[in-house]
Amino acid sequence: MKLALFGGSFDPPHLGHLAFARFALGALAPDRFLWLPAGRQWQKPDQMMASGVHRTAMLKRLTSGEPRFAVDERELHRRGPSFTADTLSEFKADNPAAELMFLIGQDQYARLPTWYRAETVAALATLVVVPRAGEAVVTPPGMPPHRLQALNLPETPISSTAVREAIARGDDICPLVGADVASYIDSHRLYEKKP
């Protein structure tokens, strides 16, 4: 069994995330693809995010058309900071025969040696790295030996930051997040600037 794990803030999730996940389904052919909304991020302790309830609800709306997608909420329910090493250890304990594939951007991969128990992350999962457009994946100094696969994704110039900025300007965000997520954000008045 092959499990693809895609973690992130997803604050909010957008069509760029969805395009990446669909591309990974085709390229990696996993049996299951799990989206892992982050709990308390230890490297960004002061970052304010929408609640886990809202981010999960938006992810479920974004991914509803693909039966191989599922949202795993374990990091949201964990006390204290979210560490990828703990999450991968739990998945391995629950699925000892599974091949774990952890999807990560080039920027995150470059910082991986600074992560908590980076050697555990490297030992438990194949790191599927998405390089920046036109760039090769470069293994950062200090990384322990690990399995690596580059996934050259067609460029999608959407970011969660750009979506939040569009909301602050009052722009239509349907082209960025899809109608279901846009409706959810609007009905809950998420990301609006406080007076």
N, C-alpha and C. Protein backbone atom coordinates (compact mmCIF):
# COMPACT_ATOMS: atom_id res chain seq x y z
N MET A 1 0.84 -1.19 0.00
CA MET A 1 0.00 0.00 0.00
C MET A 1 0.88 1.25 0.00
N LYS A 2 0.50 2.23 -0.80
CA LYS A 2 1.26 3.47 -0.91
C LYS A 2 0.38 4.63 -0.42
N LEU A 3 0.88 5.35 0.57
CA LEU A 3 0.16 6.50 1.13
C LEU A 3 0.89 7.78 0.78
N ALA A 4 0.22 8.70 0.12
CA ALA A 4 0.77 10.03 -0.15
C ALA A 4 0.22 10.99 0.91
N LEU A 5 1.10 11.72 1.55
CA LEU A 5 0.74 12.61 2.65
C LEU A 5 1.10 14.04 2.27
N PHE A 6 0.11 14.91 2.28
CA PHE A 6 0.30 16.30 1.86
C PHE A 6 -0.09 17.20 3.03
N GLY A 7 0.91 17.73 3.72
CA GLY A 7 0.65 18.58 4.87
C GLY A 7 0.81 20.05 4.54
N GLY A 8 0.17 20.88 5.35
CA GLY A 8 0.30 22.32 5.17
C GLY A 8 -0.71 23.07 6.01
N SER A 9 -0.58 24.38 5.99
CA SER A 9 -1.54 25.22 6.73
C SER A 9 -2.91 25.19 6.06
N PHE A 10 -2.92 25.22 4.71
CA PHE A 10 -4.17 25.27 3.95
C PHE A 10 -5.07 26.38 4.50
N ASP A 11 -4.52 27.60 4.48
CA ASP A 11 -5.16 28.73 5.14
C ASP A 11 -5.32 29.91 4.20
N PRO A 12 -6.22 29.85 3.22
CA PRO A 12 -7.14 28.75 2.91
C PRO A 12 -6.56 27.81 1.84
N PRO A 13 -7.17 26.63 1.69
CA PRO A 13 -6.80 25.77 0.57
C PRO A 13 -7.30 26.40 -0.73
N HIS A 14 -6.57 26.16 -1.81
CA HIS A 14 -6.92 26.82 -3.08
C HIS A 14 -6.73 25.86 -4.25
N LEU A 15 -7.06 26.35 -5.44
CA LEU A 15 -7.01 25.49 -6.63
C LEU A 15 -5.58 25.11 -7.00
N GLY A 16 -4.58 25.86 -6.57
CA GLY A 16 -3.19 25.45 -6.77
C GLY A 16 -2.88 24.19 -5.98
N HIS A 17 -3.34 24.14 -4.73
CA HIS A 17 -3.19 22.91 -3.93
C HIS A 17 -3.85 21.73 -4.64
N LEU A 18 -5.06 21.97 -5.15
CA LEU A 18 -5.81 20.89 -5.79
C LEU A 18 -5.11 20.41 -7.06
N ALA A 19 -4.59 21.34 -7.85
CA ALA A 19 -3.87 20.96 -9.08
C ALA A 19 -2.64 20.13 -8.73
N PHE A 20 -1.92 20.54 -7.69
CA PHE A 20 -0.75 19.80 -7.24
C PHE A 20 -1.14 18.38 -6.82
N ALA A 21 -2.20 18.27 -6.03
CA ALA A 21 -2.63 16.96 -5.53
C ALA A 21 -3.07 16.04 -6.68
N ARG A 22 -3.79 16.60 -7.64
CA ARG A 22 -4.24 15.79 -8.79
C ARG A 22 -3.04 15.34 -9.62
N PHE A 23 -2.08 16.22 -9.80
CA PHE A 23 -0.86 15.87 -10.53
C PHE A 23 -0.13 14.74 -9.80
N ALA A 24 -0.05 14.84 -8.47
CA ALA A 24 0.63 13.81 -7.67
C ALA A 24 -0.09 12.48 -7.75
N LEU A 25 -1.42 12.50 -7.81
CA LEU A 25 -2.17 11.24 -7.97
C LEU A 25 -1.71 10.51 -9.22
N GLY A 26 -1.59 11.25 -10.31
CA GLY A 26 -1.17 10.63 -11.56
C GLY A 26 0.29 10.20 -11.55
N ALA A 27 1.15 11.03 -10.97
CA ALA A 27 2.59 10.76 -11.00
C ALA A 27 3.02 9.68 -10.01
N LEU A 28 2.38 9.64 -8.86
CA LEU A 28 2.81 8.73 -7.79
C LEU A 28 1.95 7.48 -7.68
N ALA A 29 0.73 7.54 -8.20
CA ALA A 29 -0.23 6.43 -8.15
C ALA A 29 -0.38 5.86 -6.74
N PRO A 30 -0.68 6.72 -5.74
CA PRO A 30 -0.87 6.19 -4.39
C PRO A 30 -2.22 5.50 -4.26
N ASP A 31 -2.31 4.60 -3.29
CA ASP A 31 -3.61 3.98 -2.98
C ASP A 31 -4.52 4.99 -2.27
N ARG A 32 -3.91 5.83 -1.44
CA ARG A 32 -4.67 6.88 -0.76
C ARG A 32 -3.82 8.15 -0.72
N PHE A 33 -4.52 9.27 -0.76
CA PHE A 33 -3.87 10.58 -0.71
C PHE A 33 -4.50 11.33 0.45
N LEU A 34 -3.71 11.59 1.48
CA LEU A 34 -4.24 12.23 2.68
C LEU A 34 -3.75 13.66 2.81
N TRP A 35 -4.67 14.57 3.03
CA TRP A 35 -4.37 15.98 3.29
C TRP A 35 -4.27 16.14 4.80
N LEU A 36 -3.20 16.77 5.25
CA LEU A 36 -2.92 16.90 6.68
C LEU A 36 -2.87 18.38 7.08
N PRO A 37 -4.02 18.98 7.44
CA PRO A 37 -3.96 20.37 7.90
C PRO A 37 -3.15 20.47 9.18
N ALA A 38 -2.24 21.43 9.22
CA ALA A 38 -1.32 21.57 10.35
C ALA A 38 -2.05 22.07 11.59
N GLY A 39 -1.59 21.55 12.73
CA GLY A 39 -2.04 22.08 14.01
C GLY A 39 -1.20 23.31 14.35
N ARG A 40 -0.67 23.32 15.55
CA ARG A 40 0.17 24.45 15.96
C ARG A 40 1.55 24.26 15.36
N GLN A 41 1.95 25.16 14.48
CA GLN A 41 3.22 25.02 13.77
C GLN A 41 4.35 25.55 14.65
N TRP A 42 5.29 24.69 14.96
CA TRP A 42 6.34 25.06 15.92
C TRP A 42 7.30 26.09 15.35
N GLN A 43 7.47 26.13 14.00
CA GLN A 43 8.38 27.11 13.41
C GLN A 43 7.71 28.45 13.15
N LYS A 44 6.39 28.50 13.31
CA LYS A 44 5.64 29.75 13.12
C LYS A 44 4.68 29.93 14.29
N PRO A 45 5.20 30.03 15.52
CA PRO A 45 4.32 30.03 16.69
C PRO A 45 3.39 31.23 16.76
N ASP A 46 3.75 32.34 16.12
CA ASP A 46 2.93 33.55 16.20
C ASP A 46 1.98 33.72 15.01
N GLN A 47 2.03 32.78 14.08
CA GLN A 47 1.18 32.90 12.89
C GLN A 47 -0.28 32.62 13.26
N MET A 48 -1.14 33.57 12.96
CA MET A 48 -2.57 33.40 13.19
C MET A 48 -3.18 32.71 11.98
N MET A 49 -3.92 31.64 12.23
CA MET A 49 -4.57 30.90 11.16
C MET A 49 -6.06 30.80 11.45
N ALA A 50 -6.84 30.53 10.42
CA ALA A 50 -8.23 30.17 10.63
C ALA A 50 -8.24 28.89 11.47
N SER A 51 -9.30 28.67 12.20
CA SER A 51 -9.37 27.50 13.08
C SER A 51 -9.26 26.21 12.27
N GLY A 52 -8.86 25.15 12.94
CA GLY A 52 -8.78 23.85 12.30
C GLY A 52 -10.12 23.39 11.77
N VAL A 53 -11.18 23.74 12.46
CA VAL A 53 -12.53 23.37 12.00
C VAL A 53 -12.81 24.00 10.63
N HIS A 54 -12.49 25.29 10.50
CA HIS A 54 -12.73 25.97 9.22
C HIS A 54 -11.82 25.42 8.12
N ARG A 55 -10.54 25.22 8.43
CA ARG A 55 -9.62 24.74 7.39
C ARG A 55 -9.99 23.34 6.94
N THR A 56 -10.43 22.50 7.87
CA THR A 56 -10.88 21.15 7.50
C THR A 56 -12.12 21.21 6.63
N ALA A 57 -13.07 22.05 7.01
CA ALA A 57 -14.30 22.17 6.22
C ALA A 57 -13.99 22.64 4.80
N MET A 58 -13.09 23.61 4.68
CA MET A 58 -12.73 24.09 3.34
C MET A 58 -12.03 23.01 2.53
N LEU A 59 -11.13 22.26 3.18
CA LEU A 59 -10.44 21.17 2.47
C LEU A 59 -11.44 20.12 1.97
N LYS A 60 -12.42 19.79 2.79
CA LYS A 60 -13.40 18.78 2.38
C LYS A 60 -14.22 19.27 1.19
N ARG A 61 -14.50 20.56 1.14
CA ARG A 61 -15.21 21.11 -0.01
C ARG A 61 -14.32 21.10 -1.25
N LEU A 62 -13.06 21.47 -1.08
CA LEU A 62 -12.13 21.52 -2.21
C LEU A 62 -11.91 20.14 -2.83
N THR A 63 -11.87 19.11 -2.00
CA THR A 63 -11.45 17.77 -2.45
C THR A 63 -12.62 16.81 -2.68
N SER A 64 -13.84 17.29 -2.59
CA SER A 64 -15.00 16.38 -2.59
C SER A 64 -15.16 15.59 -3.88
N GLY A 65 -14.59 16.05 -4.98
CA GLY A 65 -14.78 15.36 -6.25
C GLY A 65 -13.85 14.19 -6.52
N GLU A 66 -12.93 13.91 -5.60
CA GLU A 66 -11.95 12.84 -5.83
C GLU A 66 -12.02 11.83 -4.69
N PRO A 67 -12.52 10.61 -4.96
CA PRO A 67 -12.70 9.62 -3.88
C PRO A 67 -11.39 9.14 -3.24
N ARG A 68 -10.25 9.31 -3.92
CA ARG A 68 -8.98 8.89 -3.32
C ARG A 68 -8.44 9.91 -2.32
N PHE A 69 -9.03 11.10 -2.28
CA PHE A 69 -8.62 12.12 -1.32
C PHE A 69 -9.35 11.92 0.01
N ALA A 70 -8.63 12.15 1.10
CA ALA A 70 -9.25 12.20 2.42
C ALA A 70 -8.49 13.23 3.25
N VAL A 71 -9.19 13.81 4.21
CA VAL A 71 -8.58 14.78 5.12
C VAL A 71 -8.33 14.09 6.45
N ASP A 72 -7.10 14.12 6.90
CA ASP A 72 -6.71 13.50 8.18
C ASP A 72 -6.46 14.63 9.19
N GLU A 73 -7.19 14.61 10.30
CA GLU A 73 -7.17 15.72 11.25
C GLU A 73 -6.26 15.49 12.45
N ARG A 74 -5.42 14.47 12.43
CA ARG A 74 -4.65 14.12 13.63
C ARG A 74 -3.80 15.27 14.17
N GLU A 75 -3.21 16.07 13.29
CA GLU A 75 -2.36 17.16 13.78
C GLU A 75 -3.18 18.25 14.47
N LEU A 76 -4.42 18.40 14.07
CA LEU A 76 -5.28 19.41 14.69
C LEU A 76 -5.66 19.01 16.11
N HIS A 77 -5.70 17.71 16.38
CA HIS A 77 -6.12 17.23 17.70
C HIS A 77 -4.96 16.94 18.64
N ARG A 78 -3.75 17.09 18.13
CA ARG A 78 -2.57 16.82 18.95
C ARG A 78 -2.30 18.01 19.87
N ARG A 79 -2.01 17.73 21.12
CA ARG A 79 -1.65 18.81 22.04
C ARG A 79 -0.23 19.28 21.75
N GLY A 80 -0.02 20.57 21.88
CA GLY A 80 1.31 21.11 21.64
C GLY A 80 1.58 21.27 20.16
N PRO A 81 2.83 21.56 19.82
CA PRO A 81 3.19 21.80 18.42
C PRO A 81 3.04 20.55 17.55
N SER A 82 2.83 20.78 16.26
CA SER A 82 2.76 19.68 15.29
C SER A 82 4.15 19.40 14.74
N PHE A 83 4.59 18.17 14.91
CA PHE A 83 5.88 17.75 14.37
C PHE A 83 5.65 16.66 13.33
N THR A 84 6.19 16.86 12.13
CA THR A 84 6.04 15.87 11.06
C THR A 84 6.58 14.52 11.48
N ALA A 85 7.67 14.50 12.25
CA ALA A 85 8.25 13.23 12.71
C ALA A 85 7.23 12.42 13.50
N ASP A 86 6.46 13.08 14.36
CA ASP A 86 5.44 12.38 15.14
C ASP A 86 4.33 11.85 14.24
N THR A 87 3.92 12.69 13.28
CA THR A 87 2.85 12.28 12.37
C THR A 87 3.26 11.06 11.54
N LEU A 88 4.46 11.08 10.98
CA LEU A 88 4.93 9.95 10.18
C LEU A 88 5.10 8.71 11.04
N SER A 89 5.57 8.88 12.27
CA SER A 89 5.72 7.73 13.18
C SER A 89 4.36 7.08 13.45
N GLU A 90 3.33 7.90 13.63
CA GLU A 90 1.99 7.35 13.85
C GLU A 90 1.50 6.59 12.62
N PHE A 91 1.70 7.18 11.44
CA PHE A 91 1.27 6.50 10.22
C PHE A 91 2.00 5.16 10.06
N LYS A 92 3.31 5.14 10.35
CA LYS A 92 4.08 3.91 10.20
C LYS A 92 3.63 2.86 11.19
N ALA A 93 3.31 3.28 12.43
CA ALA A 93 2.82 2.33 13.43
C ALA A 93 1.47 1.74 13.02
N ASP A 94 0.61 2.57 12.43
CA ASP A 94 -0.71 2.11 12.01
C ASP A 94 -0.67 1.29 10.72
N ASN A 95 0.34 1.55 9.87
CA ASN A 95 0.43 0.91 8.55
C ASN A 95 1.87 0.44 8.32
N PRO A 96 2.34 -0.57 9.08
CA PRO A 96 3.77 -0.92 9.03
C PRO A 96 4.26 -1.34 7.65
N ALA A 97 3.39 -1.88 6.82
CA ALA A 97 3.83 -2.35 5.50
C ALA A 97 3.68 -1.28 4.43
N ALA A 98 3.12 -0.13 4.78
CA ALA A 98 2.84 0.90 3.77
C ALA A 98 4.11 1.66 3.40
N GLU A 99 4.15 2.08 2.14
CA GLU A 99 5.18 3.02 1.70
C GLU A 99 4.62 4.42 1.89
N LEU A 100 5.30 5.22 2.71
CA LEU A 100 4.86 6.58 2.97
C LEU A 100 5.58 7.54 2.04
N MET A 101 4.82 8.43 1.43
CA MET A 101 5.39 9.45 0.55
C MET A 101 4.95 10.80 1.10
N PHE A 102 5.93 11.62 1.49
CA PHE A 102 5.63 12.91 2.10
C PHE A 102 5.93 14.01 1.10
N LEU A 103 4.90 14.74 0.68
CA LEU A 103 5.02 15.77 -0.34
C LEU A 103 5.45 17.09 0.30
N ILE A 104 6.45 17.72 -0.30
CA ILE A 104 7.04 18.90 0.31
C ILE A 104 7.57 19.82 -0.79
N GLY A 105 7.43 21.12 -0.59
CA GLY A 105 7.96 22.08 -1.54
C GLY A 105 9.46 22.25 -1.38
N GLN A 106 10.10 22.80 -2.41
CA GLN A 106 11.55 23.01 -2.39
C GLN A 106 11.97 23.88 -1.20
N ASP A 107 11.18 24.92 -0.89
CA ASP A 107 11.53 25.80 0.23
C ASP A 107 11.54 25.04 1.56
N GLN A 108 10.51 24.21 1.77
CA GLN A 108 10.45 23.42 3.00
C GLN A 108 11.60 22.40 3.05
N TYR A 109 11.86 21.80 1.90
CA TYR A 109 12.93 20.79 1.84
C TYR A 109 14.28 21.41 2.21
N ALA A 110 14.52 22.64 1.76
CA ALA A 110 15.78 23.31 2.07
C ALA A 110 15.95 23.53 3.57
N ARG A 111 14.82 23.66 4.29
CA ARG A 111 14.89 23.88 5.75
C ARG A 111 14.77 22.60 6.56
N LEU A 112 14.62 21.47 5.89
CA LEU A 112 14.37 20.21 6.60
C LEU A 112 15.42 19.86 7.66
N PRO A 113 16.70 20.13 7.45
CA PRO A 113 17.67 19.81 8.51
C PRO A 113 17.40 20.53 9.83
N THR A 114 16.61 21.62 9.80
CA THR A 114 16.30 22.35 11.04
C THR A 114 15.05 21.79 11.72
N TRP A 115 14.36 20.84 11.08
CA TRP A 115 13.13 20.30 11.65
C TRP A 115 13.43 19.42 12.85
N TYR A 116 12.45 19.30 13.71
CA TYR A 116 12.51 18.40 14.84
C TYR A 116 12.61 16.96 14.33
N ARG A 117 13.65 16.25 14.77
CA ARG A 117 13.89 14.84 14.39
C ARG A 117 13.84 14.65 12.86
N ALA A 118 14.60 15.48 12.16
CA ALA A 118 14.65 15.40 10.70
C ALA A 118 15.08 14.01 10.24
N GLU A 119 15.94 13.34 11.03
CA GLU A 119 16.40 12.00 10.65
C GLU A 119 15.24 11.01 10.64
N THR A 120 14.24 11.21 11.53
CA THR A 120 13.06 10.33 11.56
C THR A 120 12.21 10.56 10.32
N VAL A 121 12.02 11.82 9.97
CA VAL A 121 11.26 12.16 8.75
C VAL A 121 11.93 11.49 7.55
N ALA A 122 13.25 11.62 7.46
CA ALA A 122 13.99 11.07 6.32
C ALA A 122 13.93 9.54 6.29
N ALA A 123 13.91 8.92 7.46
CA ALA A 123 13.92 7.45 7.53
C ALA A 123 12.56 6.84 7.22
N LEU A 124 11.48 7.54 7.54
CA LEU A 124 10.15 6.93 7.46
C LEU A 124 9.44 7.11 6.12
N ALA A 125 9.81 8.14 5.36
CA ALA A 125 9.05 8.42 4.14
C ALA A 125 9.96 8.78 2.99
N THR A 126 9.49 8.47 1.79
CA THR A 126 10.11 9.02 0.59
C THR A 126 9.72 10.49 0.53
N LEU A 127 10.69 11.37 0.40
CA LEU A 127 10.42 12.79 0.32
C LEU A 127 10.16 13.15 -1.14
N VAL A 128 8.95 13.57 -1.43
CA VAL A 128 8.57 13.95 -2.78
C VAL A 128 8.64 15.46 -2.84
N VAL A 129 9.67 15.97 -3.51
CA VAL A 129 9.96 17.40 -3.49
C VAL A 129 9.52 18.04 -4.79
N VAL A 130 8.81 19.16 -4.65
CA VAL A 130 8.38 19.94 -5.81
C VAL A 130 9.35 21.10 -5.95
N PRO A 131 10.20 21.07 -6.97
CA PRO A 131 11.17 22.17 -7.14
C PRO A 131 10.51 23.42 -7.67
N ARG A 132 11.18 24.54 -7.47
CA ARG A 132 10.74 25.78 -8.09
C ARG A 132 10.86 25.62 -9.61
N ALA A 133 10.05 26.37 -10.32
CA ALA A 133 10.03 26.25 -11.78
C ALA A 133 11.43 26.44 -12.36
N GLY A 134 11.85 25.46 -13.18
CA GLY A 134 13.14 25.56 -13.86
C GLY A 134 14.35 25.24 -13.01
N GLU A 135 14.15 24.86 -11.75
CA GLU A 135 15.29 24.58 -10.87
C GLU A 135 15.36 23.09 -10.56
N ALA A 136 16.57 22.63 -10.30
CA ALA A 136 16.77 21.24 -9.88
C ALA A 136 16.64 21.14 -8.37
N VAL A 137 16.28 19.97 -7.89
CA VAL A 137 16.21 19.74 -6.44
C VAL A 137 17.63 19.56 -5.93
N VAL A 138 17.99 20.36 -4.95
CA VAL A 138 19.32 20.28 -4.34
C VAL A 138 19.16 19.82 -2.90
N THR A 139 19.85 18.73 -2.55
CA THR A 139 19.78 18.23 -1.18
C THR A 139 20.49 19.20 -0.24
N PRO A 140 19.79 19.65 0.81
CA PRO A 140 20.42 20.62 1.71
C PRO A 140 21.54 20.00 2.52
N PRO A 141 22.55 20.81 2.89
CA PRO A 141 23.63 20.29 3.73
C PRO A 141 23.08 19.81 5.07
N GLY A 142 23.66 18.72 5.55
CA GLY A 142 23.26 18.21 6.85
C GLY A 142 22.10 17.24 6.82
N MET A 143 21.54 16.97 5.64
CA MET A 143 20.44 16.01 5.56
C MET A 143 20.96 14.59 5.73
N PRO A 144 20.31 13.78 6.58
CA PRO A 144 20.69 12.37 6.66
C PRO A 144 20.31 11.66 5.36
N PRO A 145 20.84 10.47 5.12
CA PRO A 145 20.48 9.73 3.91
C PRO A 145 18.96 9.54 3.84
N HIS A 146 18.40 9.66 2.64
CA HIS A 146 16.95 9.56 2.51
C HIS A 146 16.57 9.22 1.07
N ARG A 147 15.34 8.74 0.93
CA ARG A 147 14.76 8.48 -0.39
C ARG A 147 14.15 9.78 -0.89
N LEU A 148 14.43 10.09 -2.15
CA LEU A 148 14.02 11.38 -2.71
C LEU A 148 13.42 11.17 -4.09
N GLN A 149 12.32 11.87 -4.35
CA GLN A 149 11.74 11.87 -5.69
C GLN A 149 11.33 13.30 -6.01
N ALA A 150 11.77 13.80 -7.15
CA ALA A 150 11.36 15.13 -7.60
C ALA A 150 10.07 15.01 -8.38
N LEU A 151 9.19 15.96 -8.18
CA LEU A 151 7.91 15.98 -8.88
C LEU A 151 7.78 17.34 -9.55
N ASN A 152 8.02 17.36 -10.84
CA ASN A 152 8.02 18.63 -11.59
C ASN A 152 6.60 19.00 -11.98
N LEU A 153 6.01 19.84 -11.16
CA LEU A 153 4.62 20.25 -11.30
C LEU A 153 4.51 21.44 -12.25
N PRO A 154 3.52 21.43 -13.15
CA PRO A 154 3.28 22.64 -13.94
C PRO A 154 3.00 23.82 -12.99
N GLU A 155 3.55 24.98 -13.30
CA GLU A 155 3.47 26.11 -12.39
C GLU A 155 2.03 26.60 -12.24
N THR A 156 1.61 26.80 -10.99
CA THR A 156 0.29 27.36 -10.70
C THR A 156 0.50 28.56 -9.78
N PRO A 157 0.36 29.76 -10.30
CA PRO A 157 0.70 30.96 -9.53
C PRO A 157 -0.40 31.39 -8.55
N ILE A 158 -0.79 30.48 -7.66
CA ILE A 158 -1.78 30.81 -6.64
C ILE A 158 -1.14 30.50 -5.29
N SER A 159 -1.37 31.35 -4.33
CA SER A 159 -0.90 31.09 -2.97
C SER A 159 -2.00 31.47 -1.99
N SER A 160 -1.93 30.89 -0.78
CA SER A 160 -2.90 31.25 0.25
C SER A 160 -2.79 32.73 0.60
N THR A 161 -1.57 33.25 0.59
CA THR A 161 -1.37 34.69 0.87
C THR A 161 -2.10 35.53 -0.17
N ALA A 162 -1.98 35.15 -1.45
CA ALA A 162 -2.66 35.90 -2.51
C ALA A 162 -4.18 35.84 -2.35
N VAL A 163 -4.70 34.69 -1.91
CA VAL A 163 -6.15 34.57 -1.68
C VAL A 163 -6.58 35.49 -0.55
N ARG A 164 -5.84 35.50 0.56
CA ARG A 164 -6.20 36.38 1.69
C ARG A 164 -6.13 37.85 1.28
N GLU A 165 -5.14 38.21 0.48
CA GLU A 165 -5.03 39.60 0.00
C GLU A 165 -6.20 39.96 -0.91
N ALA A 166 -6.63 39.02 -1.75
CA ALA A 166 -7.77 39.26 -2.63
C ALA A 166 -9.04 39.47 -1.82
N ILE A 167 -9.21 38.69 -0.76
CA ILE A 167 -10.38 38.86 0.12
C ILE A 167 -10.35 40.24 0.76
N ALA A 168 -9.17 40.66 1.23
CA ALA A 168 -9.05 41.98 1.87
C ALA A 168 -9.40 43.10 0.90
N ARG A 169 -9.13 42.90 -0.41
CA ARG A 169 -9.46 43.92 -1.42
C ARG A 169 -10.92 43.85 -1.86
N GLY A 170 -11.60 42.77 -1.48
CA GLY A 170 -12.98 42.58 -1.92
C GLY A 170 -13.11 41.96 -3.29
N ASP A 171 -12.04 41.32 -3.78
CA ASP A 171 -12.06 40.69 -5.11
C ASP A 171 -12.84 39.38 -5.07
N ASP A 172 -13.28 38.95 -6.25
CA ASP A 172 -13.91 37.64 -6.41
C ASP A 172 -12.82 36.57 -6.32
N ILE A 173 -12.95 35.67 -5.35
CA ILE A 173 -11.92 34.64 -5.18
C ILE A 173 -12.31 33.29 -5.79
N CYS A 174 -13.48 33.21 -6.41
CA CYS A 174 -13.89 31.93 -7.03
C CYS A 174 -12.83 31.37 -7.98
N PRO A 175 -12.18 32.20 -8.81
CA PRO A 175 -11.15 31.65 -9.71
C PRO A 175 -9.93 31.11 -8.97
N LEU A 176 -9.77 31.46 -7.70
CA LEU A 176 -8.61 31.02 -6.92
C LEU A 176 -8.90 29.81 -6.05
N VAL A 177 -10.13 29.71 -5.53
CA VAL A 177 -10.44 28.64 -4.57
C VAL A 177 -11.62 27.77 -4.99
N GLY A 178 -12.32 28.14 -6.04
CA GLY A 178 -13.52 27.42 -6.43
C GLY A 178 -14.75 27.95 -5.70
N ALA A 179 -15.92 27.68 -6.25
CA ALA A 179 -17.16 28.25 -5.74
C ALA A 179 -17.50 27.76 -4.33
N ASP A 180 -17.28 26.48 -4.06
CA ASP A 180 -17.66 25.93 -2.75
C ASP A 180 -16.84 26.54 -1.62
N VAL A 181 -15.53 26.65 -1.82
CA VAL A 181 -14.67 27.23 -0.79
C VAL A 181 -14.94 28.72 -0.67
N ALA A 182 -15.14 29.40 -1.79
CA ALA A 182 -15.43 30.84 -1.76
C ALA A 182 -16.71 31.11 -0.98
N SER A 183 -17.73 30.28 -1.20
CA SER A 183 -18.99 30.44 -0.49
C SER A 183 -18.80 30.22 1.01
N TYR A 184 -18.00 29.22 1.37
CA TYR A 184 -17.74 28.95 2.79
C TYR A 184 -17.02 30.13 3.44
N ILE A 185 -15.99 30.64 2.77
CA ILE A 185 -15.24 31.78 3.31
C ILE A 185 -16.17 32.98 3.50
N ASP A 186 -17.02 33.22 2.51
CA ASP A 186 -17.93 34.36 2.59
C ASP A 186 -18.94 34.18 3.71
N SER A 187 -19.51 32.99 3.83
CA SER A 187 -20.55 32.78 4.85
C SER A 187 -20.01 32.86 6.27
N HIS A 188 -18.73 32.53 6.44
CA HIS A 188 -18.12 32.59 7.77
C HIS A 188 -17.27 33.86 7.96
N ARG A 189 -17.25 34.70 6.93
CA ARG A 189 -16.52 35.98 6.97
C ARG A 189 -15.06 35.78 7.38
N LEU A 190 -14.45 34.76 6.80
CA LEU A 190 -13.05 34.46 7.10
C LEU A 190 -12.14 35.43 6.37
N TYR A 191 -11.04 35.75 6.99
CA TYR A 191 -9.95 36.57 6.42
C TYR A 191 -10.34 38.02 6.14
N GLU A 192 -11.48 38.44 6.61
CA GLU A 192 -11.83 39.85 6.45
C GLU A 192 -10.98 40.68 7.39
N LYS A 193 -10.61 41.86 6.92
CA LYS A 193 -9.86 42.75 7.79
C LYS A 193 -10.75 43.24 8.92
N LYS A 194 -10.19 43.20 10.14
CA LYS A 194 -10.96 43.69 11.27
C LYS A 194 -10.91 45.23 11.29
N PRO A 195 -12.04 45.88 11.59
CA PRO A 195 -12.04 47.34 11.60
C PRO A 195 -11.16 47.89 12.71
